[in-house]
N, C-alpha and C. Protein backbone atom coordinates (compact mmCIF):
# COMPACT_ATOMS: atom_id res chain seq x y z
N GLN A 1 144.40 115.25 94.61
CA GLN A 1 143.53 114.26 94.00
C GLN A 1 143.52 113.00 94.87
N VAL A 2 142.36 112.41 95.00
CA VAL A 2 142.21 111.18 95.79
C VAL A 2 142.02 110.01 94.84
N GLN A 3 142.77 108.98 95.07
CA GLN A 3 142.61 107.73 94.33
C GLN A 3 141.87 106.74 95.21
N LEU A 4 140.90 106.06 94.61
CA LEU A 4 140.16 105.02 95.32
C LEU A 4 140.50 103.67 94.69
N VAL A 5 140.85 102.72 95.52
CA VAL A 5 141.23 101.40 95.03
C VAL A 5 140.29 100.37 95.61
N GLU A 6 139.60 99.66 94.71
CA GLU A 6 138.65 98.63 95.11
C GLU A 6 139.30 97.26 95.05
N SER A 7 138.76 96.36 95.84
CA SER A 7 139.21 94.97 95.81
C SER A 7 138.06 94.07 96.26
N GLY A 8 138.18 92.78 95.95
CA GLY A 8 137.21 91.83 96.45
C GLY A 8 136.23 91.29 95.45
N GLY A 9 136.25 91.79 94.24
CA GLY A 9 135.32 91.27 93.23
C GLY A 9 135.74 89.88 92.77
N GLY A 10 134.88 89.27 91.95
CA GLY A 10 135.21 87.96 91.42
C GLY A 10 133.98 87.19 91.02
N LEU A 11 134.16 85.90 90.85
CA LEU A 11 133.09 85.00 90.45
C LEU A 11 132.56 84.26 91.68
N VAL A 12 131.24 84.22 91.80
CA VAL A 12 130.62 83.54 92.94
C VAL A 12 129.35 82.86 92.44
N GLN A 13 129.00 81.77 93.08
CA GLN A 13 127.78 81.06 92.70
C GLN A 13 126.56 81.75 93.30
N PRO A 14 125.41 81.57 92.68
CA PRO A 14 124.17 82.13 93.26
C PRO A 14 124.00 81.66 94.70
N GLY A 15 123.60 82.60 95.55
CA GLY A 15 123.47 82.31 96.97
C GLY A 15 124.72 82.54 97.76
N GLY A 16 125.81 82.78 97.08
CA GLY A 16 127.09 83.01 97.75
C GLY A 16 127.27 84.43 98.24
N SER A 17 128.44 84.70 98.79
CA SER A 17 128.74 86.00 99.37
C SER A 17 130.07 86.53 98.85
N LEU A 18 130.17 87.83 98.82
CA LEU A 18 131.41 88.52 98.51
C LEU A 18 131.50 89.76 99.38
N ARG A 19 132.72 90.16 99.65
CA ARG A 19 132.95 91.41 100.38
C ARG A 19 133.87 92.29 99.55
N LEU A 20 133.37 93.46 99.21
CA LEU A 20 134.15 94.44 98.46
C LEU A 20 134.74 95.45 99.43
N SER A 21 135.95 95.88 99.12
CA SER A 21 136.60 96.90 99.94
C SER A 21 137.10 98.02 99.05
N CYS A 22 137.13 99.22 99.62
CA CYS A 22 137.61 100.39 98.89
C CYS A 22 138.42 101.24 99.84
N ALA A 23 139.61 101.61 99.40
CA ALA A 23 140.48 102.42 100.24
C ALA A 23 140.91 103.67 99.50
N ALA A 24 140.94 104.77 100.21
CA ALA A 24 141.42 106.03 99.64
C ALA A 24 142.93 106.11 99.75
N SER A 25 143.55 106.80 98.79
CA SER A 25 145.00 106.88 98.75
C SER A 25 145.58 107.80 99.80
N ARG A 26 144.73 108.65 100.37
CA ARG A 26 145.20 109.55 101.41
C ARG A 26 144.02 109.89 102.33
N SER A 27 144.33 110.55 103.40
CA SER A 27 143.28 110.95 104.32
C SER A 27 142.33 111.93 103.64
N ILE A 28 141.08 111.75 103.92
CA ILE A 28 140.07 112.63 103.34
C ILE A 28 139.22 113.22 104.45
N PHE A 29 138.46 114.21 104.07
CA PHE A 29 137.54 114.84 105.01
C PHE A 29 136.54 113.81 105.50
N SER A 30 136.43 113.70 106.80
CA SER A 30 135.57 112.66 107.35
C SER A 30 134.10 112.88 107.07
N GLY A 31 133.74 114.06 106.61
CA GLY A 31 132.34 114.34 106.31
C GLY A 31 131.86 113.79 104.98
N TYR A 32 132.75 113.17 104.23
CA TYR A 32 132.37 112.63 102.94
C TYR A 32 131.30 111.54 103.09
N VAL A 33 130.42 111.49 102.12
CA VAL A 33 129.51 110.35 101.97
C VAL A 33 130.26 109.28 101.18
N MET A 34 130.21 108.07 101.66
CA MET A 34 130.86 106.96 100.96
C MET A 34 129.78 106.02 100.42
N GLY A 35 130.01 105.51 99.24
CA GLY A 35 128.98 104.65 98.67
C GLY A 35 129.51 103.66 97.67
N TRP A 36 128.64 102.76 97.30
CA TRP A 36 128.91 101.79 96.25
C TRP A 36 127.81 101.89 95.19
N TYR A 37 128.23 101.82 93.95
CA TYR A 37 127.33 101.84 92.81
C TYR A 37 127.69 100.65 91.93
N ARG A 38 126.79 100.33 91.03
CA ARG A 38 127.08 99.27 90.07
C ARG A 38 126.53 99.63 88.71
N GLN A 39 127.12 99.00 87.71
CA GLN A 39 126.72 99.30 86.34
C GLN A 39 126.87 98.06 85.48
N THR A 40 125.87 97.83 84.63
CA THR A 40 125.93 96.76 83.63
C THR A 40 125.93 97.41 82.26
N PRO A 41 126.41 96.69 81.26
CA PRO A 41 126.51 97.28 79.91
C PRO A 41 125.17 97.81 79.43
N GLY A 42 125.19 99.01 78.94
CA GLY A 42 123.99 99.62 78.38
C GLY A 42 123.08 100.25 79.40
N ASN A 43 123.44 100.18 80.66
CA ASN A 43 122.59 100.73 81.71
C ASN A 43 123.31 101.82 82.50
N GLN A 44 122.52 102.63 83.17
CA GLN A 44 123.10 103.68 83.99
C GLN A 44 123.66 103.09 85.28
N ARG A 45 124.61 103.81 85.82
CA ARG A 45 125.15 103.42 87.11
C ARG A 45 124.07 103.63 88.17
N GLU A 46 123.91 102.63 89.03
CA GLU A 46 122.87 102.73 90.05
C GLU A 46 123.46 102.59 91.45
N LEU A 47 122.80 103.23 92.39
CA LEU A 47 123.23 103.17 93.77
C LEU A 47 122.99 101.78 94.34
N VAL A 48 123.99 101.27 95.06
CA VAL A 48 123.86 100.01 95.78
C VAL A 48 123.68 100.29 97.27
N ALA A 49 124.50 101.18 97.79
CA ALA A 49 124.43 101.53 99.20
C ALA A 49 125.28 102.76 99.44
N SER A 50 124.91 103.54 100.45
CA SER A 50 125.72 104.68 100.84
C SER A 50 125.66 104.85 102.34
N VAL A 51 126.67 105.53 102.87
CA VAL A 51 126.71 105.78 104.31
C VAL A 51 127.30 107.16 104.55
N THR A 52 126.63 107.93 105.38
CA THR A 52 127.10 109.27 105.69
C THR A 52 128.17 109.22 106.78
N SER A 53 128.75 110.37 107.05
CA SER A 53 129.78 110.45 108.08
C SER A 53 129.22 110.11 109.46
N ARG A 54 127.93 110.30 109.63
CA ARG A 54 127.31 109.99 110.92
C ARG A 54 126.82 108.55 111.00
N GLY A 55 127.04 107.80 109.92
CA GLY A 55 126.66 106.40 109.94
C GLY A 55 125.28 106.10 109.42
N SER A 56 124.59 107.10 108.87
CA SER A 56 123.27 106.87 108.30
C SER A 56 123.42 106.15 106.97
N LYS A 57 122.75 105.01 106.84
CA LYS A 57 122.90 104.18 105.66
C LYS A 57 121.67 104.23 104.78
N ASN A 58 121.90 104.10 103.50
CA ASN A 58 120.82 104.13 102.53
C ASN A 58 120.99 102.97 101.56
N TYR A 59 119.92 102.21 101.38
CA TYR A 59 119.91 101.10 100.43
C TYR A 59 118.65 101.16 99.58
N PRO A 60 118.76 100.92 98.30
CA PRO A 60 117.55 100.72 97.51
C PRO A 60 116.80 99.48 98.03
N ASP A 61 115.52 99.42 97.81
CA ASP A 61 114.73 98.32 98.34
C ASP A 61 115.25 96.96 97.90
N SER A 62 115.74 96.87 96.67
CA SER A 62 116.20 95.58 96.15
C SER A 62 117.46 95.07 96.83
N MET A 63 118.16 95.95 97.52
CA MET A 63 119.41 95.56 98.19
C MET A 63 119.22 95.32 99.69
N LYS A 64 118.12 95.83 100.23
CA LYS A 64 117.92 95.72 101.68
C LYS A 64 117.88 94.27 102.12
N GLY A 65 118.57 94.01 103.22
CA GLY A 65 118.59 92.67 103.78
C GLY A 65 119.67 91.78 103.21
N ARG A 66 120.22 92.12 102.07
CA ARG A 66 121.28 91.29 101.47
C ARG A 66 122.64 91.98 101.49
N PHE A 67 122.63 93.30 101.38
CA PHE A 67 123.88 94.06 101.31
C PHE A 67 124.04 94.90 102.57
N THR A 68 125.27 95.01 103.03
CA THR A 68 125.58 95.83 104.19
C THR A 68 126.82 96.66 103.92
N ILE A 69 126.68 97.96 104.10
CA ILE A 69 127.80 98.86 103.90
C ILE A 69 128.37 99.26 105.25
N SER A 70 129.69 99.43 105.30
CA SER A 70 130.33 99.88 106.53
C SER A 70 131.53 100.74 106.16
N ARG A 71 131.85 101.67 107.04
CA ARG A 71 132.97 102.56 106.77
C ARG A 71 133.87 102.66 107.99
N ASP A 72 135.12 102.97 107.73
CA ASP A 72 136.09 103.21 108.79
C ASP A 72 136.74 104.56 108.50
N ASN A 73 136.36 105.56 109.26
CA ASN A 73 136.87 106.90 109.00
C ASN A 73 138.36 107.02 109.28
N ASP A 74 138.85 106.25 110.23
CA ASP A 74 140.27 106.31 110.55
C ASP A 74 141.12 105.75 109.41
N LYS A 75 140.61 104.72 108.77
CA LYS A 75 141.35 104.08 107.69
C LYS A 75 140.95 104.58 106.31
N ASN A 76 139.93 105.44 106.26
CA ASN A 76 139.43 105.96 104.97
C ASN A 76 139.02 104.81 104.04
N THR A 77 138.27 103.89 104.59
CA THR A 77 137.82 102.74 103.81
C THR A 77 136.30 102.58 103.90
N VAL A 78 135.76 101.93 102.89
CA VAL A 78 134.36 101.56 102.91
C VAL A 78 134.24 100.16 102.33
N ASP A 79 133.48 99.33 103.01
CA ASP A 79 133.28 97.94 102.59
C ASP A 79 131.83 97.70 102.23
N LEU A 80 131.63 96.68 101.41
CA LEU A 80 130.28 96.25 101.06
C LEU A 80 130.21 94.74 101.20
N GLN A 81 129.45 94.28 102.15
CA GLN A 81 129.21 92.85 102.32
C GLN A 81 127.97 92.47 101.54
N MET A 82 128.12 91.52 100.64
CA MET A 82 127.01 91.11 99.78
C MET A 82 126.71 89.64 100.04
N ASN A 83 125.50 89.36 100.46
CA ASN A 83 125.07 88.00 100.76
C ASN A 83 123.93 87.58 99.84
N ASN A 84 123.74 86.28 99.75
CA ASN A 84 122.65 85.73 98.94
C ASN A 84 122.65 86.37 97.54
N LEU A 85 123.78 86.33 96.92
CA LEU A 85 123.92 86.98 95.62
C LEU A 85 123.12 86.27 94.55
N LYS A 86 122.63 87.06 93.62
CA LYS A 86 121.80 86.57 92.52
C LYS A 86 122.48 86.90 91.20
N PRO A 87 122.16 86.16 90.16
CA PRO A 87 122.77 86.46 88.85
C PRO A 87 122.57 87.92 88.43
N GLU A 88 121.45 88.49 88.78
CA GLU A 88 121.19 89.89 88.40
C GLU A 88 122.04 90.89 89.18
N ASP A 89 122.78 90.43 90.17
CA ASP A 89 123.72 91.29 90.87
C ASP A 89 125.05 91.42 90.11
N SER A 90 125.20 90.65 89.06
CA SER A 90 126.43 90.73 88.26
C SER A 90 126.55 92.11 87.64
N ALA A 91 127.70 92.72 87.85
CA ALA A 91 127.92 94.09 87.37
C ALA A 91 129.36 94.50 87.72
N VAL A 92 129.73 95.66 87.23
CA VAL A 92 130.95 96.29 87.72
C VAL A 92 130.55 97.19 88.88
N TYR A 93 131.21 97.01 89.99
CA TYR A 93 130.90 97.77 91.20
C TYR A 93 131.97 98.86 91.40
N TYR A 94 131.47 100.05 91.69
CA TYR A 94 132.34 101.21 91.86
C TYR A 94 132.16 101.81 93.25
N CYS A 95 133.23 102.16 93.90
CA CYS A 95 133.07 102.92 95.14
C CYS A 95 133.15 104.40 94.83
N ASN A 96 132.56 105.17 95.71
CA ASN A 96 132.45 106.60 95.51
C ASN A 96 132.59 107.34 96.84
N PHE A 97 133.41 108.35 96.85
CA PHE A 97 133.53 109.24 97.99
C PHE A 97 133.15 110.63 97.49
N ARG A 98 132.25 111.29 98.18
CA ARG A 98 131.86 112.63 97.74
C ARG A 98 131.60 113.54 98.94
N ASP A 99 131.88 114.80 98.71
CA ASP A 99 131.56 115.83 99.69
C ASP A 99 130.12 116.25 99.42
N PRO A 100 129.23 116.11 100.37
CA PRO A 100 127.83 116.41 100.10
C PRO A 100 127.55 117.89 99.88
N TYR A 101 128.53 118.75 100.18
CA TYR A 101 128.32 120.19 100.06
C TYR A 101 129.13 120.82 98.93
N ARG A 102 130.08 120.08 98.40
CA ARG A 102 130.93 120.62 97.33
C ARG A 102 131.01 119.57 96.22
N SER A 103 130.28 119.81 95.16
CA SER A 103 130.16 118.82 94.08
C SER A 103 131.48 118.54 93.38
N ALA A 104 132.42 119.46 93.48
CA ALA A 104 133.71 119.24 92.81
C ALA A 104 134.50 118.11 93.45
N PHE A 105 134.19 117.81 94.69
CA PHE A 105 134.89 116.75 95.41
C PHE A 105 134.05 115.48 95.33
N ASN A 106 134.27 114.76 94.25
CA ASN A 106 133.48 113.57 93.95
C ASN A 106 134.42 112.58 93.27
N TYR A 107 134.75 111.49 93.96
CA TYR A 107 135.78 110.59 93.49
C TYR A 107 135.22 109.18 93.27
N TRP A 108 135.75 108.54 92.22
CA TRP A 108 135.31 107.20 91.86
C TRP A 108 136.49 106.24 91.80
N GLY A 109 136.23 105.00 92.17
CA GLY A 109 137.22 103.97 91.96
C GLY A 109 137.18 103.49 90.52
N GLN A 110 138.07 102.57 90.20
CA GLN A 110 138.19 102.09 88.82
C GLN A 110 137.18 100.99 88.51
N GLY A 111 136.54 100.47 89.53
CA GLY A 111 135.53 99.42 89.32
C GLY A 111 136.10 98.03 89.53
N THR A 112 135.26 97.16 90.05
CA THR A 112 135.64 95.76 90.23
C THR A 112 134.48 94.89 89.76
N GLN A 113 134.80 93.87 88.99
CA GLN A 113 133.77 93.02 88.40
C GLN A 113 133.26 92.00 89.40
N VAL A 114 131.95 91.91 89.49
CA VAL A 114 131.29 90.85 90.27
C VAL A 114 130.43 90.05 89.31
N THR A 115 130.68 88.76 89.27
CA THR A 115 129.91 87.87 88.41
C THR A 115 129.30 86.77 89.27
N VAL A 116 127.98 86.66 89.18
CA VAL A 116 127.25 85.64 89.93
C VAL A 116 126.72 84.63 88.92
N SER A 117 127.29 83.45 88.96
CA SER A 117 126.93 82.44 87.97
C SER A 117 127.29 81.06 88.49
N SER A 118 126.50 80.09 88.07
CA SER A 118 126.79 78.70 88.44
C SER A 118 127.63 78.03 87.36
């Protein structure tokens, strides 16, 4: 079993920046897709960003230009740099590691709260 531990959440003013980090408890298959999702009360979890083992990145249109995902295969980590944050970015952010070919290998972190407020 792989444990994912997130860090970096907190309170930030609108227009500010935060960097989230996620580390796996042990070495994982480098072919995993790594990603960040977020969820607000009463809503479904939504994709924020993902990156494949080859470095191909995917962002929803609303995140493009403000969020940047990066991964380190040697350290089994994935980071999310968030700039120009808006109140609507407030949510619990979850990291995710998954094997794109084997659905049973799908791991989630415990979540970290991001609150954007003045």
